[in-house]
């Protein structure tokens, strides 16, 4: 519903309800007359007009840009002025309708009590008005931030795909030269990988089963090229298949292990993928590969010449914030271990 229309609905029905409720309680005490109905409806109309003017003042002077202390001072002073004006209006309305009891209604203590009650009504109105706008602005900010994050994710995915496709094509090219009979199978696997890359390009997260399937295809493709120099093993809990992860995240880690680890070792090496569920029901992914982290590889990631690891870290942060983590370290003199935690709330059951 339009914000302006919603305001008028609450404004009209709110102050009309104020008049009706007051008339109801008056009728319980001393009955009700047409004069009293007119007086209370007039008082409700004054509240309606005065609060609407208050809203006009807030918008014209742009109070929502004030800092908190200035806003509180301005609002307090405005509420005092409105309450004082309301007391005067009440006296005039009662006098016009002939129900003013001068000896009682004009006593200072009665006027102060009426002013205090009016202040409470105006304060309640102001609290609801400011709360609504602050919550709306907060939601707008969240939506804007979500949109910015989505743009960043799209940029990261667009950055990652050419990088991945380039490496996959290099693998097939090398395979054609080294083992032509197996190149047909490799091309089929590559087509599966490329199809996956295109389909998953615009998704925030995907089923873990889809990701691990493409990882297997990729490692099968690389196993043809490296032959006995590449050994692959898996240790995956069945419950892991209930989770969702960012597309190409695990693929990027494995690709990084091949590029910076296995391919640099004359004797080749091992890639071991373990996926388990922790006590907190979070998904833990561990990739252990032969090789060693070097300052040169880390520098490429930091200065932007490499996209894989820095890209993965940024996507995890954008999607999960501090609930996920990514760690890459040398396990010993022969292996590198990459650890990723995916929060529980991103399962299919959510």
Protein backbone atom coordinates (compact mmCIF):
# COMPACT_ATOMS: atom_id res chain seq x y z
CA UNK A 1 0.00 0.00 0.00
CA UNK A 2 1.15 3.55 -0.78
CA UNK A 3 2.78 5.25 2.21
CA UNK A 4 0.69 8.42 1.88
CA UNK A 5 -2.56 6.47 1.69
CA UNK A 6 -1.59 4.43 4.72
CA UNK A 7 -0.89 7.63 6.66
CA UNK A 8 -4.33 9.08 5.89
CA UNK A 9 -6.08 5.86 6.85
CA UNK A 10 -4.36 5.75 10.24
CA UNK A 11 -4.82 9.49 10.75
CA UNK A 12 -8.57 9.50 10.06
CA UNK A 13 -9.50 6.26 11.79
CA UNK A 14 -7.06 6.81 14.67
CA UNK A 15 -8.43 10.16 15.79
CA UNK A 16 -12.01 9.10 15.05
CA UNK A 17 -11.46 6.15 17.36
CA UNK A 18 -10.04 8.56 19.98
CA UNK A 19 -13.29 10.58 19.90
CA UNK A 20 -15.52 7.49 20.02
CA UNK A 21 -13.63 5.91 22.93
CA UNK A 22 -13.80 9.12 24.95
CA UNK A 23 -17.51 9.43 24.27
CA UNK A 24 -18.02 5.86 25.42
CA UNK A 25 -16.36 6.49 28.79
CA UNK A 26 -18.22 9.77 29.23
CA UNK A 27 -21.51 7.98 28.57
CA UNK A 28 -20.71 5.52 31.35
CA UNK A 29 -20.21 8.34 33.85
CA UNK A 30 -22.90 10.91 33.09
CA UNK A 31 -24.66 9.86 29.92
CA UNK A 32 -24.18 11.36 26.49
CA UNK A 33 -25.74 14.26 24.59
CA UNK A 34 -25.45 15.58 21.06
CA UNK A 35 -23.49 18.54 22.45
CA UNK A 36 -20.89 16.23 23.94
CA UNK A 37 -20.69 14.29 20.68
CA UNK A 38 -19.99 17.53 18.81
CA UNK A 39 -17.39 18.64 21.38
CA UNK A 40 -15.43 15.39 21.31
CA UNK A 41 -15.58 15.12 17.54
CA UNK A 42 -14.27 18.69 17.35
CA UNK A 43 -11.46 17.82 19.75
CA UNK A 44 -10.62 14.76 17.62
CA UNK A 45 -10.59 17.03 14.57
CA UNK A 46 -8.16 19.39 16.33
CA UNK A 47 -5.83 16.45 17.09
CA UNK A 48 -6.12 15.42 13.45
CA UNK A 49 -5.25 18.90 12.11
CA UNK A 50 -2.49 19.61 14.65
CA UNK A 51 -0.70 16.29 14.13
CA UNK A 52 -0.97 16.71 10.38
CA UNK A 53 0.65 20.14 10.68
CA UNK A 54 3.31 18.56 12.89
CA UNK A 55 3.99 16.02 10.11
CA UNK A 56 4.20 18.86 7.58
CA UNK A 57 6.75 20.63 9.80
CA UNK A 58 8.83 17.46 10.16
CA UNK A 59 8.93 16.91 6.40
CA UNK A 60 9.56 20.58 5.51
CA UNK A 61 12.48 20.93 7.91
CA UNK A 62 13.71 17.39 7.15
CA UNK A 63 13.91 16.28 10.76
CA UNK A 64 14.98 12.78 9.77
CA UNK A 65 18.41 14.15 8.87
CA UNK A 66 18.91 15.55 12.38
CA UNK A 67 21.23 13.80 14.79
CA UNK A 68 19.51 12.03 17.68
CA UNK A 69 20.05 14.73 20.34
CA UNK A 70 18.77 17.52 18.10
CA UNK A 71 15.80 15.41 17.02
CA UNK A 72 14.81 14.68 20.63
CA UNK A 73 15.05 18.35 21.63
CA UNK A 74 13.07 19.51 18.60
CA UNK A 75 10.40 16.87 19.15
CA UNK A 76 10.07 17.64 22.87
CA UNK A 77 9.65 21.35 22.25
CA UNK A 78 7.12 20.73 19.49
CA UNK A 79 5.11 18.39 21.71
CA UNK A 80 4.99 21.02 24.47
CA UNK A 81 3.70 23.64 22.02
CA UNK A 82 1.10 21.23 20.64
CA UNK A 83 -0.04 20.28 24.14
CA UNK A 84 -0.42 23.94 25.15
CA UNK A 85 -2.37 24.68 21.96
CA UNK A 86 -4.56 21.66 22.63
CA UNK A 87 -5.48 22.92 26.10
CA UNK A 88 -6.50 26.26 24.65
CA UNK A 89 -8.48 24.52 21.90
CA UNK A 90 -10.23 22.32 24.48
CA UNK A 91 -11.31 25.36 26.49
CA UNK A 92 -12.58 27.11 23.35
CA UNK A 93 -14.45 24.01 22.13
CA UNK A 94 -16.12 23.55 25.52
CA UNK A 95 -17.05 27.26 25.57
CA UNK A 96 -18.48 27.13 22.03
CA UNK A 97 -20.60 24.08 22.84
CA UNK A 98 -21.66 25.56 26.15
CA UNK A 99 -20.22 22.85 28.37
CA UNK A 100 -17.34 24.86 29.86
CA UNK A 101 -17.30 24.76 33.66
CA UNK A 102 -15.23 27.83 34.39
CA UNK A 103 -14.71 27.22 38.08
CA UNK A 104 -13.40 23.70 37.49
CA UNK A 105 -12.03 23.58 33.93
CA UNK A 106 -9.95 26.76 34.27
CA UNK A 107 -8.13 25.76 37.46
CA UNK A 108 -4.32 25.72 36.93
CA UNK A 109 -4.04 22.14 38.17
CA UNK A 110 -6.79 20.97 35.78
CA UNK A 111 -5.15 22.80 32.88
CA UNK A 112 -1.78 21.22 33.71
CA UNK A 113 -3.33 17.76 33.93
CA UNK A 114 -5.06 18.27 30.57
CA UNK A 115 -1.81 19.53 29.10
CA UNK A 116 0.03 16.45 30.41
CA UNK A 117 -2.60 14.11 28.96
CA UNK A 118 -2.42 15.93 25.62
CA UNK A 119 1.37 15.64 25.73
CA UNK A 120 1.03 11.86 26.14
CA UNK A 121 -1.32 11.61 23.15
CA UNK A 122 1.00 13.66 20.96
CA UNK A 123 4.05 11.76 22.20
CA UNK A 124 2.38 8.46 21.32
CA UNK A 125 1.54 9.76 17.85
CA UNK A 126 5.10 11.06 17.34
CA UNK A 127 6.62 7.79 18.58
CA UNK A 128 4.53 5.77 16.11
CA UNK A 129 5.28 8.17 13.26
CA UNK A 130 9.05 8.25 13.82
CA UNK A 131 9.22 4.50 14.50
CA UNK A 132 7.44 3.74 11.24
CA UNK A 133 9.78 5.94 9.24
CA UNK A 134 12.93 4.68 10.93
CA UNK A 135 11.90 1.07 10.37
CA UNK A 136 11.01 1.80 6.75
CA UNK A 137 14.35 3.55 6.19
CA UNK A 138 16.13 0.66 7.87
CA UNK A 139 14.38 -1.86 5.60
CA UNK A 140 15.19 0.31 2.58
CA UNK A 141 18.84 0.36 3.64
CA UNK A 142 18.84 -3.42 4.03
CA UNK A 143 17.27 -3.87 0.60
CA UNK A 144 19.82 -1.47 -0.90
CA UNK A 145 22.69 -3.30 0.77
CA UNK A 146 21.31 -6.64 -0.42
CA UNK A 147 21.15 -5.26 -3.95
CA UNK A 148 24.74 -4.03 -3.72
CA UNK A 149 25.84 -7.43 -2.44
CA UNK A 150 24.01 -9.11 -5.31
CA UNK A 151 25.79 -6.86 -7.81
CA UNK A 152 29.13 -7.72 -6.18
CA UNK A 153 28.33 -11.43 -6.36
CA UNK A 154 27.44 -11.14 -10.04
CA UNK A 155 30.72 -9.34 -10.68
CA UNK A 156 32.63 -12.05 -8.85
CA UNK A 157 30.89 -14.83 -10.79
CA UNK A 158 31.50 -13.08 -14.09
CA UNK A 159 35.13 -12.74 -13.09
CA UNK A 160 35.43 -16.38 -12.09
CA UNK A 161 33.87 -18.13 -15.10
CA UNK A 162 36.40 -17.02 -17.77
CA UNK A 163 39.18 -17.97 -15.37
CA UNK A 164 37.75 -21.45 -14.88
CA UNK A 165 36.93 -22.02 -18.58
CA UNK A 166 40.43 -20.96 -19.61
CA UNK A 167 42.03 -23.55 -17.30
CA UNK A 168 39.63 -26.29 -18.42
CA UNK A 169 40.38 -25.63 -22.10
CA UNK A 170 44.10 -25.79 -21.36
CA UNK A 171 43.57 -29.22 -19.80
CA UNK A 172 41.75 -30.51 -22.90
CA UNK A 173 44.36 -29.03 -25.22
CA UNK A 174 47.14 -30.81 -23.35
CA UNK A 175 45.15 -34.04 -23.38
CA UNK A 176 44.67 -33.94 -27.18
CA UNK A 177 48.43 -33.84 -27.60
CA UNK A 178 49.23 -36.48 -24.98
CA UNK A 179 46.44 -39.01 -25.38
CA UNK A 180 44.17 -38.50 -28.45
CA UNK A 181 41.97 -41.61 -27.86
CA UNK A 182 40.80 -40.23 -24.55
CA UNK A 183 40.20 -36.73 -25.83
CA UNK A 184 36.59 -37.58 -26.82
CA UNK A 185 35.72 -38.56 -23.25
CA UNK A 186 37.49 -35.46 -22.01
CA UNK A 187 35.51 -33.20 -24.33
CA UNK A 188 32.26 -34.73 -23.02
CA UNK A 189 33.35 -34.05 -19.46
CA UNK A 190 34.36 -30.53 -20.40
CA UNK A 191 30.94 -29.90 -21.97
CA UNK A 192 29.32 -30.99 -18.68
CA UNK A 193 31.54 -28.57 -16.82
CA UNK A 194 30.81 -25.68 -19.17
CA UNK A 195 27.07 -26.37 -19.09
CA UNK A 196 27.21 -26.33 -15.29
CA UNK A 197 29.14 -23.07 -15.35
CA UNK A 198 26.52 -21.39 -17.54
CA UNK A 199 23.47 -22.74 -15.72
CA UNK A 200 24.77 -21.93 -12.24
CA UNK A 201 26.12 -18.52 -13.18
CA UNK A 202 23.25 -16.49 -11.70
CA UNK A 203 22.50 -18.61 -8.62
CA UNK A 204 23.47 -17.47 -5.15
CA UNK A 205 23.80 -21.01 -3.79
CA UNK A 206 23.32 -24.47 -5.27
CA UNK A 207 22.87 -28.03 -4.02
CA UNK A 208 26.07 -29.56 -2.70
CA UNK A 209 25.37 -32.62 -4.86
CA UNK A 210 25.55 -30.51 -8.04
CA UNK A 211 28.86 -28.99 -6.99
CA UNK A 212 30.50 -32.27 -6.02
CA UNK A 213 29.36 -33.87 -9.28
CA UNK A 214 31.10 -31.23 -11.35
CA UNK A 215 34.19 -31.48 -9.13
CA UNK A 216 34.32 -35.20 -9.86
CA UNK A 217 34.03 -34.51 -13.61
CA UNK A 218 36.81 -31.95 -13.39
CA UNK A 219 39.12 -34.23 -11.44
CA UNK A 220 38.36 -37.13 -13.82
CA UNK A 221 39.34 -34.84 -16.65
CA UNK A 222 42.57 -33.87 -14.94
CA UNK A 223 43.28 -37.48 -13.99
CA UNK A 224 43.32 -38.35 -17.70
CA UNK A 225 45.88 -35.62 -18.28
CA UNK A 226 48.07 -36.31 -15.23
CA UNK A 227 47.54 -40.09 -15.31
CA UNK A 228 49.28 -41.75 -12.35
CA UNK A 229 50.65 -38.40 -11.14
CA UNK A 230 47.23 -37.45 -9.69
CA UNK A 231 45.51 -39.44 -6.96
CA UNK A 232 42.04 -38.41 -5.74
CA UNK A 233 40.05 -39.62 -2.74
CA UNK A 234 36.71 -38.62 -1.22
CA UNK A 235 35.26 -38.84 2.28
CA UNK A 236 31.79 -37.31 2.18
CA UNK A 237 29.02 -37.76 4.76
CA UNK A 238 25.58 -38.45 3.29
CA UNK A 239 24.08 -35.56 5.28
CA UNK A 240 26.33 -33.13 3.40
CA UNK A 241 24.11 -33.59 0.36
CA UNK A 242 21.31 -31.77 2.22
CA UNK A 243 23.28 -28.52 2.16
CA UNK A 244 23.69 -25.70 -0.32
CA UNK A 245 26.95 -23.93 -1.08
CA UNK A 246 28.05 -21.07 -3.39
CA UNK A 247 28.44 -22.30 -6.98
CA UNK A 248 31.97 -23.20 -8.09
CA UNK A 249 33.36 -22.71 -4.59
CA UNK A 250 34.67 -26.24 -4.09
CA UNK A 251 35.55 -26.40 -7.79
CA UNK A 252 37.74 -23.31 -7.38
CA UNK A 253 39.58 -24.83 -4.40
CA UNK A 254 40.25 -28.04 -6.31
CA UNK A 255 41.33 -26.14 -9.40
CA UNK A 256 43.71 -24.08 -7.25
CA UNK A 257 45.15 -27.30 -5.80
CA UNK A 258 45.84 -28.60 -9.31
CA UNK A 259 47.30 -25.36 -10.62
CA UNK A 260 49.51 -24.38 -7.67
CA UNK A 261 50.11 -27.80 -6.14
CA UNK A 262 50.00 -30.94 -8.27
CA UNK A 263 51.16 -29.40 -11.57
CA UNK A 264 54.31 -28.03 -9.92
CA UNK A 265 55.39 -31.42 -8.54
CA UNK A 266 57.35 -33.76 -10.77
CA UNK A 267 55.93 -36.81 -9.06
CA UNK A 268 52.40 -35.37 -8.86
CA UNK A 269 50.40 -35.70 -5.69
CA UNK A 270 47.17 -36.29 -3.83
CA UNK A 271 43.87 -34.42 -3.51
CA UNK A 272 41.65 -35.56 -0.65
CA UNK A 273 38.17 -34.04 -0.23
CA UNK A 274 36.41 -34.48 3.11
CA UNK A 275 32.94 -33.11 3.89
CA UNK A 276 31.44 -33.59 7.33
CA UNK A 277 28.77 -32.16 9.63
CA UNK A 278 29.93 -30.67 12.93
CA UNK A 279 28.19 -30.70 16.31
CA UNK A 280 26.63 -27.34 15.47
CA UNK A 281 25.15 -28.84 12.28
CA UNK A 282 27.42 -26.67 10.12
CA UNK A 283 28.99 -28.14 7.00
CA UNK A 284 32.79 -28.48 7.11
CA UNK A 285 34.67 -28.92 3.84
CA UNK A 286 38.35 -29.83 3.96
CA UNK A 287 40.52 -30.13 0.86
CA UNK A 288 43.98 -31.55 1.42
CA UNK A 289 46.38 -31.45 -1.49
CA UNK A 290 50.07 -32.02 -2.15
CA UNK A 291 52.12 -28.85 -2.43
CA UNK A 292 53.07 -25.80 -0.38
CA UNK A 293 51.70 -22.30 -0.08
CA UNK A 294 54.14 -19.76 -1.47
CA UNK A 295 54.32 -15.99 -1.04
CA UNK A 296 54.17 -15.61 -4.82
CA UNK A 297 50.82 -17.40 -5.11
CA UNK A 298 49.38 -15.38 -2.21
CA UNK A 299 50.63 -12.16 -3.77
CA UNK A 300 48.82 -12.95 -7.04
CA UNK A 301 45.57 -13.37 -5.15
CA UNK A 302 46.04 -10.14 -3.22
CA UNK A 303 46.98 -7.95 -6.17
CA UNK A 304 44.13 -9.22 -8.37
CA UNK A 305 46.13 -11.19 -10.91
CA UNK A 306 44.58 -14.36 -9.49
CA UNK A 307 40.87 -14.65 -8.82
CA UNK A 308 40.23 -18.04 -7.24
CA UNK A 309 40.85 -17.80 -3.49
CA UNK A 310 40.16 -14.09 -3.00
CA UNK A 311 36.96 -14.54 -5.00
CA UNK A 312 35.84 -17.42 -2.78
CA UNK A 313 36.56 -15.49 0.40
CA UNK A 314 34.59 -12.48 -0.82
CA UNK A 315 31.59 -14.57 -1.85
CA UNK A 316 31.51 -16.38 1.50
CA UNK A 317 31.59 -13.03 3.29
CA UNK A 318 28.84 -11.52 1.14
CA UNK A 319 26.51 -14.50 1.52
CA UNK A 320 27.13 -15.60 5.11
CA UNK A 321 28.95 -12.72 6.80
CA UNK A 322 30.89 -13.90 9.87
CA UNK A 323 28.98 -17.20 10.08
CA UNK A 324 31.26 -18.87 7.53
CA UNK A 325 35.03 -19.05 7.50
CA UNK A 326 37.80 -19.90 5.10
CA UNK A 327 41.31 -21.02 6.08
CA UNK A 328 44.22 -22.15 3.93
CA UNK A 329 47.47 -23.27 5.49
CA UNK A 330 50.47 -25.53 5.06
CA UNK A 331 49.71 -28.77 6.89
CA UNK A 332 53.30 -29.94 6.94
CA UNK A 333 56.19 -29.90 4.49
CA UNK A 334 54.17 -31.80 1.87
CA UNK A 335 50.53 -30.75 2.04
CA UNK A 336 48.23 -27.74 1.98
CA UNK A 337 44.90 -27.86 3.80
CA UNK A 338 41.92 -25.66 2.92
CA UNK A 339 39.07 -25.51 5.45
CA UNK A 340 35.63 -24.01 4.82
CA UNK A 341 32.62 -23.81 7.13
CA UNK A 342 29.11 -23.34 5.69
CA UNK A 343 26.42 -22.33 8.25
CA UNK A 344 23.61 -24.69 9.14
CA UNK A 345 20.79 -22.32 8.09
CA UNK A 346 21.61 -22.70 4.41
CA UNK A 347 20.36 -26.29 4.14
CA UNK A 348 17.53 -27.32 1.85
CA UNK A 349 15.27 -27.58 4.88
CA UNK A 350 15.40 -23.79 5.48
